[in-house]
Amino acid sequence: MSISSFIGVRYSGLGISAGGEGNGFLSFISLVSLFGMTLGVIALIVVVSVMNGFDSELKRRILGVVPHLVVSGEVDQALVDDPRVVARAPFIERHGLLLNGSQSQLVTLYGIDAPHEHEMSIVLENMTLGSLEDLDNEPHGIVIGRVLAYRLGLVVGDSLTIVIPKPSAGGHRFSPSVSHARLVGTFELESELDYRLALVNVTELKRVLNLPSVDTRLRLANVFDAPSLNRTLASGNALHASDWTQQYGDFFEAVKMEKIMMFILLSLIVAIAAFNIISSLSVMVMDKQKDIAVLRTFGLSPFRVMLIFLIQGVVVGAVGIIMGSILGLALAHNITEVVSFFEELLGGKMLAGTYFDSVPTDVRYGDVLIIIVVAFMISVLATLYPAWRAASLKPAEILRYE
């Protein structure tokens, strides 16, 4: 170990003398710095993991149901054979109004091919009553969200009215297309789609609307390939297509921006710890001026003096980051159980009134690595000014009166 490393580690409070005893201790400010760095890293890892969990759940519950890409017109074989496309099915999307007595609700109507719906969405595995196959057995059948059925006062087997606005040939006027349906099933996705999505038979919806043809719904292996595939189709001018980002892109961009803002805000905890490192090193420089001057007279270069304080601050920061990473990962992996424990202890529900019954978590080690790197860079930057001040001291002026 070089002399700079030895002295830096020794005065950080983590050095051990040859006799085995602690050769110094962390001052109160250093302890605060260590605690602040640890707390900041824990908060960043846990909060980012929880936000990733909410993001993943929302994408599963919403993007697992809405069409990834809808193509109008005849789909050519090249698109069918595209490796990004994993399934396709006939599809119609319209907005309409569901009526049951005095109760009404605006919904988005999906005309689907029930036998292929298990390839296209996760609705089948989230059915609470009935089955999607009943849409084929009952041409006038409809499947809606469980909470929407409750809001409209419907149970399976009840009849309701569907009103769909139908544009005129010129597109300047709309006339209502009214049809009757029977509720054959309900689903629960635990998202906003439970309130505004209705599924009907694509053939029946085509007949009601008197459409000459239907669209084609494509499911992609990677949902984020939809915009690029849409642009490819648009550049060819052969097909008209729309993808999920046109309807939900802004929503998920807002979720992403919220995650970034939370990361920036919580980084302030790490920054506060870094200011404490600056304070402790500045006090150390003032307190050890004579020692620094003696080292300089023995031939220690300014760079090596600077290195002493760099190492001292980095050691405190690194220990805090390591402790924070270990505790943060442990807490992030078990946050659902921890929150449930406190909910039982306090007798309340943290997520009451939301679509979630528990706090989801998704630990992404790429994000953890970014947190560690950012925290380490902040701790290194915090040491630069005190270390520069130490290296700038003039030995002759300090030892003049000694």
Protein backbone atom coordinates (compact mmCIF):
# COMPACT_ATOMS: atom_id res chain seq x y z
CA MET A 1 0.00 0.00 0.00
CA SER A 2 1.39 3.43 -0.95
CA ILE A 3 1.86 6.12 1.68
CA SER A 4 -1.10 8.09 0.27
CA SER A 5 -3.39 5.06 0.42
CA PHE A 6 -2.23 4.16 3.93
CA ILE A 7 -2.81 7.62 5.35
CA GLY A 8 -6.08 8.10 3.45
CA VAL A 9 -7.58 4.84 4.70
CA ARG A 10 -6.23 5.45 8.22
CA TYR A 11 -7.86 8.86 8.58
CA SER A 12 -11.10 7.70 7.00
CA GLY A 13 -11.62 5.80 10.26
CA LEU A 14 -11.48 2.40 8.55
CA GLY A 15 -7.76 1.78 8.80
CA ILE A 16 -6.34 -0.87 11.18
CA SER A 17 -2.97 -0.45 12.72
CA ALA A 18 -0.34 -3.16 12.84
CA GLY A 19 -1.33 -3.81 16.44
CA GLY A 20 -4.85 -4.64 15.36
CA GLU A 21 -6.57 -1.67 16.98
CA GLY A 22 -8.62 0.99 15.24
CA ASN A 23 -6.21 3.72 14.28
CA GLY A 24 -8.78 6.48 14.23
CA PHE A 25 -12.53 6.80 14.07
CA LEU A 26 -15.15 8.35 11.90
CA SER A 27 -16.05 11.78 13.15
CA PHE A 28 -19.67 12.64 13.66
CA ILE A 29 -19.76 14.41 10.28
CA SER A 30 -18.21 11.36 8.61
CA LEU A 31 -20.79 9.12 10.26
CA VAL A 32 -23.54 11.39 8.97
CA SER A 33 -21.95 11.25 5.51
CA LEU A 34 -21.81 7.46 5.63
CA PHE A 35 -25.38 7.20 6.88
CA GLY A 36 -26.62 9.70 4.30
CA MET A 37 -24.91 7.88 1.43
CA THR A 38 -26.33 4.56 2.63
CA LEU A 39 -29.82 5.98 3.03
CA GLY A 40 -29.70 7.67 -0.38
CA VAL A 41 -28.68 4.50 -2.20
CA ILE A 42 -31.34 2.46 -0.34
CA ALA A 43 -34.03 5.00 -1.24
CA LEU A 44 -32.97 5.13 -4.88
CA ILE A 45 -32.87 1.35 -5.32
CA VAL A 46 -36.20 0.73 -3.56
CA VAL A 47 -38.14 3.59 -5.18
CA VAL A 48 -36.82 2.91 -8.69
CA SER A 49 -37.58 -0.81 -8.28
CA VAL A 50 -41.12 -0.07 -7.10
CA MET A 51 -41.70 2.33 -9.99
CA ASN A 52 -40.35 -0.31 -12.37
CA GLY A 53 -42.82 -2.73 -10.80
CA PHE A 54 -45.77 -0.39 -11.38
CA ASP A 55 -44.54 0.27 -14.92
CA SER A 56 -44.24 -3.45 -15.69
CA GLU A 57 -47.66 -4.22 -14.23
CA LEU A 58 -49.34 -1.41 -16.16
CA LYS A 59 -47.70 -2.56 -19.38
CA ARG A 60 -48.78 -6.15 -18.75
CA ARG A 61 -52.36 -5.21 -17.87
CA ILE A 62 -52.81 -2.62 -20.64
CA LEU A 63 -50.42 -3.58 -23.44
CA GLY A 64 -51.30 -7.21 -22.87
CA VAL A 65 -54.83 -6.41 -24.03
CA VAL A 66 -54.78 -3.47 -26.44
CA PRO A 67 -53.71 -4.17 -30.05
CA HIS A 68 -49.98 -3.78 -30.67
CA LEU A 69 -50.59 -2.94 -34.32
CA VAL A 70 -53.78 -2.71 -36.40
CA VAL A 71 -53.53 -2.81 -40.19
CA SER A 72 -56.33 -1.74 -42.53
CA GLY A 73 -56.47 -3.46 -45.89
CA GLU A 74 -55.05 -6.68 -47.23
CA VAL A 75 -52.01 -7.87 -45.27
CA ASP A 76 -49.25 -9.07 -47.59
CA GLN A 77 -47.22 -12.21 -46.97
CA ALA A 78 -44.04 -10.27 -46.19
CA LEU A 79 -45.71 -8.75 -43.11
CA VAL A 80 -47.09 -12.13 -42.04
CA ASP A 81 -43.61 -13.67 -42.29
CA ASP A 82 -41.94 -10.81 -40.39
CA PRO A 83 -40.18 -12.39 -37.37
CA ARG A 84 -41.46 -9.58 -35.15
CA VAL A 85 -45.08 -10.68 -35.72
CA VAL A 86 -46.12 -13.65 -33.58
CA ALA A 87 -49.90 -13.74 -34.20
CA ARG A 88 -52.65 -12.06 -36.23
CA ALA A 89 -56.44 -12.08 -36.18
CA PRO A 90 -59.41 -10.18 -37.69
CA PHE A 91 -60.29 -7.13 -35.66
CA ILE A 92 -62.63 -4.11 -35.48
CA GLU A 93 -62.36 -1.22 -33.04
CA ARG A 94 -65.16 1.28 -32.46
CA HIS A 95 -66.34 3.56 -29.69
CA GLY A 96 -69.86 3.11 -28.38
CA LEU A 97 -72.31 3.57 -25.55
CA LEU A 98 -73.64 0.76 -23.36
CA LEU A 99 -77.14 1.30 -21.97
CA ASN A 100 -79.02 -0.56 -19.26
CA GLY A 101 -82.11 1.33 -18.15
CA SER A 102 -80.97 4.68 -16.81
CA GLN A 103 -77.34 3.56 -16.54
CA SER A 104 -74.89 4.25 -19.39
CA GLN A 105 -71.17 4.05 -20.02
CA LEU A 106 -68.92 5.06 -22.93
CA VAL A 107 -66.70 2.14 -23.95
CA THR A 108 -64.28 1.00 -26.60
CA LEU A 109 -65.69 -1.97 -28.52
CA TYR A 110 -63.29 -4.63 -29.75
CA GLY A 111 -64.63 -6.98 -32.39
CA ILE A 112 -62.52 -10.10 -31.85
CA ASP A 113 -62.17 -13.63 -33.14
CA ALA A 114 -62.73 -15.53 -29.88
CA PRO A 115 -60.86 -18.78 -30.80
CA HIS A 116 -57.68 -16.78 -31.48
CA GLU A 117 -57.97 -14.30 -28.62
CA HIS A 118 -55.68 -16.35 -26.35
CA GLU A 119 -52.88 -15.59 -28.83
CA MET A 120 -53.70 -11.88 -28.96
CA SER A 121 -54.30 -10.81 -25.35
CA ILE A 122 -54.40 -11.83 -21.69
CA VAL A 123 -58.18 -11.41 -21.35
CA LEU A 124 -58.82 -15.16 -21.45
CA GLU A 125 -56.69 -15.80 -18.35
CA ASN A 126 -58.39 -12.94 -16.50
CA MET A 127 -62.02 -13.99 -16.99
CA THR A 128 -64.07 -13.94 -13.79
CA LEU A 129 -67.38 -15.23 -15.19
CA GLY A 130 -68.30 -16.97 -18.44
CA SER A 131 -65.93 -17.59 -21.33
CA LEU A 132 -64.80 -15.87 -24.51
CA GLU A 133 -65.98 -18.94 -26.43
CA ASP A 134 -69.54 -17.88 -25.56
CA LEU A 135 -69.11 -15.03 -28.05
CA ASP A 136 -69.15 -17.63 -30.82
CA ASN A 137 -72.02 -19.57 -29.28
CA GLU A 138 -74.03 -16.39 -28.72
CA PRO A 139 -73.74 -14.08 -31.79
CA HIS A 140 -75.17 -11.16 -29.81
CA GLY A 141 -72.96 -11.83 -26.80
CA ILE A 142 -70.75 -9.26 -25.12
CA VAL A 143 -67.97 -9.51 -22.52
CA ILE A 144 -67.17 -6.51 -20.30
CA GLY A 145 -65.19 -5.72 -17.16
CA ARG A 146 -66.52 -7.01 -13.84
CA VAL A 147 -66.61 -3.52 -12.29
CA LEU A 148 -68.34 -2.11 -15.38
CA ALA A 149 -71.01 -4.81 -15.14
CA TYR A 150 -71.50 -3.89 -11.48
CA ARG A 151 -71.74 -0.19 -12.34
CA LEU A 152 -74.39 -0.90 -15.01
CA GLY A 153 -76.27 -3.29 -12.72
CA LEU A 154 -75.74 -6.31 -14.98
CA VAL A 155 -75.23 -9.99 -14.33
CA VAL A 156 -74.40 -12.72 -16.82
CA GLY A 157 -77.46 -13.40 -18.96
CA ASP A 158 -78.83 -9.84 -18.80
CA SER A 159 -79.57 -7.86 -21.96
CA LEU A 160 -78.24 -4.40 -22.74
CA THR A 161 -78.23 -1.94 -25.61
CA ILE A 162 -75.20 -0.88 -27.66
CA VAL A 163 -75.24 2.46 -29.48
CA ILE A 164 -72.44 3.00 -32.01
CA PRO A 165 -72.04 6.27 -33.97
CA LYS A 166 -71.92 5.47 -37.69
CA PRO A 167 -70.51 8.10 -40.09
CA SER A 168 -72.29 8.93 -43.31
CA ALA A 169 -70.73 8.26 -46.71
CA GLY A 170 -69.30 11.78 -46.82
CA GLY A 171 -68.15 11.64 -43.22
CA HIS A 172 -69.93 14.88 -42.28
CA ARG A 173 -72.75 13.37 -40.24
CA PHE A 174 -73.17 10.54 -37.78
CA SER A 175 -76.18 8.35 -37.29
CA PRO A 176 -76.56 5.95 -34.35
CA SER A 177 -76.42 2.24 -34.98
CA VAL A 178 -78.40 0.51 -32.24
CA SER A 179 -78.14 -3.19 -31.42
CA HIS A 180 -78.99 -5.42 -28.49
CA ALA A 181 -76.56 -7.76 -26.74
CA ARG A 182 -76.53 -10.28 -23.93
CA LEU A 183 -73.83 -10.32 -21.28
CA VAL A 184 -72.04 -13.68 -21.50
CA GLY A 185 -68.97 -13.03 -19.37
CA THR A 186 -66.85 -10.60 -17.35
CA PHE A 187 -63.12 -10.08 -16.92
CA GLU A 188 -60.93 -8.25 -14.43
CA LEU A 189 -57.62 -6.82 -15.61
CA GLU A 190 -57.18 -4.51 -12.58
CA SER A 191 -56.64 -1.51 -14.85
CA GLU A 192 -58.70 1.26 -16.43
CA LEU A 193 -59.73 -1.18 -19.16
CA ASP A 194 -62.10 -2.80 -16.66
CA TYR A 195 -64.24 0.34 -16.93
CA ARG A 196 -64.17 1.04 -20.65
CA LEU A 197 -63.54 -2.09 -22.70
CA ALA A 198 -66.16 -4.38 -24.23
CA LEU A 199 -65.55 -7.44 -26.40
CA VAL A 200 -67.98 -8.65 -29.06
CA ASN A 201 -67.87 -11.09 -31.96
CA VAL A 202 -66.03 -9.55 -34.93
CA THR A 203 -68.45 -11.05 -37.45
CA GLU A 204 -71.48 -9.67 -35.61
CA LEU A 205 -69.93 -6.21 -35.27
CA LYS A 206 -69.10 -6.22 -38.98
CA ARG A 207 -72.75 -7.04 -39.75
CA VAL A 208 -74.12 -4.37 -37.41
CA LEU A 209 -71.88 -1.69 -38.93
CA ASN A 210 -72.34 -3.01 -42.47
CA LEU A 211 -68.61 -2.96 -43.12
CA PRO A 212 -67.17 -4.35 -46.37
CA SER A 213 -64.07 -5.71 -44.62
CA VAL A 214 -62.36 -5.88 -41.26
CA ASP A 215 -58.90 -4.84 -40.06
CA THR A 216 -56.09 -7.16 -39.05
CA ARG A 217 -54.69 -7.11 -35.55
CA LEU A 218 -51.02 -8.05 -35.13
CA ARG A 219 -49.35 -9.16 -31.93
CA LEU A 220 -45.61 -8.57 -31.75
CA ALA A 221 -42.93 -10.47 -29.87
CA ASN A 222 -41.66 -7.13 -28.55
CA VAL A 223 -44.40 -4.54 -28.10
CA PHE A 224 -41.84 -1.72 -28.50
CA ASP A 225 -41.20 -2.78 -32.10
CA ALA A 226 -44.68 -1.50 -33.03
CA PRO A 227 -43.68 2.13 -33.83
CA SER A 228 -40.80 1.10 -36.12
CA LEU A 229 -42.94 -1.49 -37.91
CA ASN A 230 -45.70 1.10 -38.29
CA ARG A 231 -43.24 3.56 -39.88
CA THR A 232 -42.05 0.84 -42.25
CA LEU A 233 -45.62 0.20 -43.36
CA ALA A 234 -46.31 3.93 -43.70
CA SER A 235 -43.24 4.47 -45.88
CA GLY A 236 -44.55 1.89 -48.34
CA ASN A 237 -47.90 3.75 -48.62
CA ALA A 238 -49.59 0.43 -49.28
CA LEU A 239 -51.27 -0.05 -45.91
CA HIS A 240 -52.74 2.17 -43.24
CA ALA A 241 -51.68 1.10 -39.76
CA SER A 242 -51.94 2.34 -36.18
CA ASP A 243 -50.01 1.16 -33.14
CA TRP A 244 -50.52 1.29 -29.38
CA THR A 245 -48.29 4.36 -28.89
CA GLN A 246 -50.86 6.59 -30.61
CA GLN A 247 -53.30 5.91 -27.77
CA TYR A 248 -51.11 5.03 -24.79
CA GLY A 249 -47.69 6.40 -25.74
CA ASP A 250 -48.13 9.65 -23.79
CA PHE A 251 -49.29 7.73 -20.72
CA PHE A 252 -46.20 5.53 -20.56
CA GLU A 253 -43.95 8.48 -21.40
CA ALA A 254 -45.43 10.25 -18.37
CA VAL A 255 -44.67 7.17 -16.22
CA LYS A 256 -41.10 7.16 -17.55
CA MET A 257 -40.70 10.89 -16.86
CA GLU A 258 -42.03 10.41 -13.32
CA LYS A 259 -39.41 7.73 -12.73
CA ILE A 260 -36.65 10.06 -13.96
CA MET A 261 -37.87 12.93 -11.76
CA MET A 262 -38.02 10.65 -8.71
CA PHE A 263 -34.46 9.52 -9.45
CA ILE A 264 -33.28 13.13 -9.62
CA LEU A 265 -35.10 14.14 -6.43
CA LEU A 266 -33.86 11.18 -4.43
CA SER A 267 -30.33 11.81 -5.69
CA LEU A 268 -30.46 14.93 -3.53
CA ILE A 269 -30.11 12.65 -0.50
CA VAL A 270 -26.81 11.42 -1.94
CA ALA A 271 -25.84 15.02 -2.72
CA ILE A 272 -26.47 16.02 0.93
CA ALA A 273 -24.22 13.18 2.03
CA ALA A 274 -21.62 14.45 -0.43
CA PHE A 275 -21.80 17.94 1.13
CA ASN A 276 -21.12 16.29 4.49
CA ILE A 277 -18.06 14.63 2.96
CA ILE A 278 -16.89 18.06 1.77
CA SER A 279 -17.42 19.47 5.28
CA SER A 280 -15.59 16.65 7.04
CA LEU A 281 -12.63 16.78 4.63
CA SER A 282 -12.44 20.58 4.86
CA VAL A 283 -12.30 20.34 8.67
CA MET A 284 -9.66 17.62 8.34
CA VAL A 285 -7.54 19.80 6.07
CA MET A 286 -7.68 22.69 8.53
CA ASP A 287 -6.92 20.40 11.49
CA LYS A 288 -4.01 18.57 9.82
CA GLN A 289 -2.22 21.54 8.23
CA LYS A 290 0.94 20.92 10.25
CA ASP A 291 0.95 17.22 9.41
CA ILE A 292 0.50 18.03 5.72
CA ALA A 293 3.37 20.53 5.89
CA VAL A 294 5.64 17.94 7.52
CA LEU A 295 4.77 15.39 4.84
CA ARG A 296 5.55 17.96 2.16
CA THR A 297 8.94 18.73 3.73
CA PHE A 298 9.75 15.01 3.67
CA GLY A 299 9.23 15.06 -0.09
CA LEU A 300 5.57 14.09 -0.55
CA SER A 301 4.36 15.71 -3.76
CA PRO A 302 1.20 17.89 -3.93
CA PHE A 303 -0.47 15.20 -6.05
CA ARG A 304 0.12 12.57 -3.36
CA VAL A 305 -1.21 14.90 -0.70
CA MET A 306 -4.30 15.43 -2.83
CA LEU A 307 -4.55 11.67 -3.26
CA ILE A 308 -4.68 11.19 0.53
CA PHE A 309 -7.89 13.20 0.84
CA LEU A 310 -9.35 11.75 -2.34
CA ILE A 311 -8.92 8.25 -0.93
CA GLN A 312 -10.30 9.30 2.45
CA GLY A 313 -13.53 10.68 0.94
CA VAL A 314 -13.92 7.86 -1.57
CA VAL A 315 -13.57 5.23 1.16
CA VAL A 316 -16.42 6.80 3.16
CA GLY A 317 -18.55 7.08 0.00
CA ALA A 318 -17.74 3.56 -1.18
CA VAL A 319 -18.59 1.98 2.17
CA GLY A 320 -21.90 3.87 2.23
CA ILE A 321 -22.68 2.78 -1.35
CA ILE A 322 -21.87 -0.87 -0.60
CA MET A 323 -23.99 -0.90 2.55
CA GLY A 324 -26.81 0.93 0.75
CA SER A 325 -26.70 -1.48 -2.20
CA ILE A 326 -26.87 -4.58 0.00
CA LEU A 327 -29.67 -3.25 2.19
CA GLY A 328 -31.49 -1.65 -0.77
CA LEU A 329 -31.51 -4.84 -2.84
CA ALA A 330 -32.69 -6.88 0.15
CA LEU A 331 -35.51 -4.42 0.81
CA ALA A 332 -36.44 -4.05 -2.88
CA HIS A 333 -36.76 -7.82 -3.33
CA ASN A 334 -39.02 -8.05 -0.26
CA ILE A 335 -40.86 -4.73 -0.39
CA THR A 336 -44.23 -6.43 -1.01
CA GLU A 337 -43.92 -8.47 2.18
CA VAL A 338 -42.58 -5.50 4.17
CA VAL A 339 -45.48 -3.26 3.12
CA SER A 340 -47.98 -6.06 3.85
CA PHE A 341 -46.50 -6.44 7.34
CA PHE A 342 -46.93 -2.74 8.12
CA GLU A 343 -50.44 -2.78 6.64
CA GLU A 344 -51.42 -5.59 9.00
CA LEU A 345 -49.68 -3.86 11.89
CA LEU A 346 -51.40 -0.51 11.29
CA GLY A 347 -54.69 -1.92 10.02
CA GLY A 348 -54.82 -0.01 6.73
CA LYS A 349 -54.18 -0.43 3.01
CA MET A 350 -51.48 1.67 1.39
CA LEU A 351 -52.93 1.22 -2.10
CA ALA A 352 -56.59 1.49 -1.18
CA GLY A 353 -58.62 3.01 -4.00
CA THR A 354 -56.15 1.97 -6.70
CA TYR A 355 -56.01 -0.92 -9.18
CA PHE A 356 -53.28 -2.60 -7.11
CA ASP A 357 -53.75 -4.78 -4.03
CA SER A 358 -50.02 -5.00 -3.28
CA VAL A 359 -46.87 -3.02 -4.03
CA PRO A 360 -45.17 -4.51 -7.11
CA THR A 361 -41.41 -4.51 -7.49
CA ASP A 362 -39.12 -5.12 -10.43
CA VAL A 363 -35.41 -5.01 -9.57
CA ARG A 364 -33.45 -4.20 -12.70
CA TYR A 365 -29.73 -4.56 -12.13
CA GLY A 366 -28.98 -2.14 -14.94
CA ASP A 367 -30.75 0.58 -12.93
CA VAL A 368 -28.92 -0.53 -9.77
CA LEU A 369 -25.59 -0.21 -11.59
CA ILE A 370 -26.50 3.32 -12.73
CA ILE A 371 -27.40 4.26 -9.14
CA ILE A 372 -24.07 2.91 -7.85
CA VAL A 373 -22.07 4.71 -10.54
CA VAL A 374 -23.89 8.03 -10.01
CA ALA A 375 -23.50 7.83 -6.23
CA PHE A 376 -19.80 6.98 -6.58
CA MET A 377 -19.22 9.86 -9.01
CA ILE A 378 -20.93 12.27 -6.59
CA SER A 379 -18.72 11.06 -3.72
CA VAL A 380 -15.57 11.45 -5.86
CA LEU A 381 -16.55 14.96 -6.97
CA ALA A 382 -17.18 15.89 -3.34
CA THR A 383 -13.56 15.16 -2.45
CA LEU A 384 -11.96 17.25 -5.20
CA TYR A 385 -12.14 20.71 -3.62
CA PRO A 386 -10.89 19.75 -0.11
CA ALA A 387 -8.15 17.62 -1.67
CA TRP A 388 -7.09 20.52 -3.92
CA ARG A 389 -6.98 22.84 -0.91
CA ALA A 390 -4.75 20.37 0.95
CA ALA A 391 -2.39 20.10 -2.01
CA SER A 392 -2.24 23.92 -2.29
CA LEU A 393 -0.97 24.49 1.27
CA LYS A 394 2.47 26.14 1.55
CA PRO A 395 4.67 24.21 4.05
CA ALA A 396 6.95 27.19 4.70
CA GLU A 397 4.08 29.47 5.70
CA ILE A 398 2.54 26.84 8.00
CA LEU A 399 5.84 25.93 9.76
CA ARG A 400 7.22 29.48 9.91
CA TYR A 401 6.44 29.94 13.60
CA GLU A 402 6.89 26.35 14.73
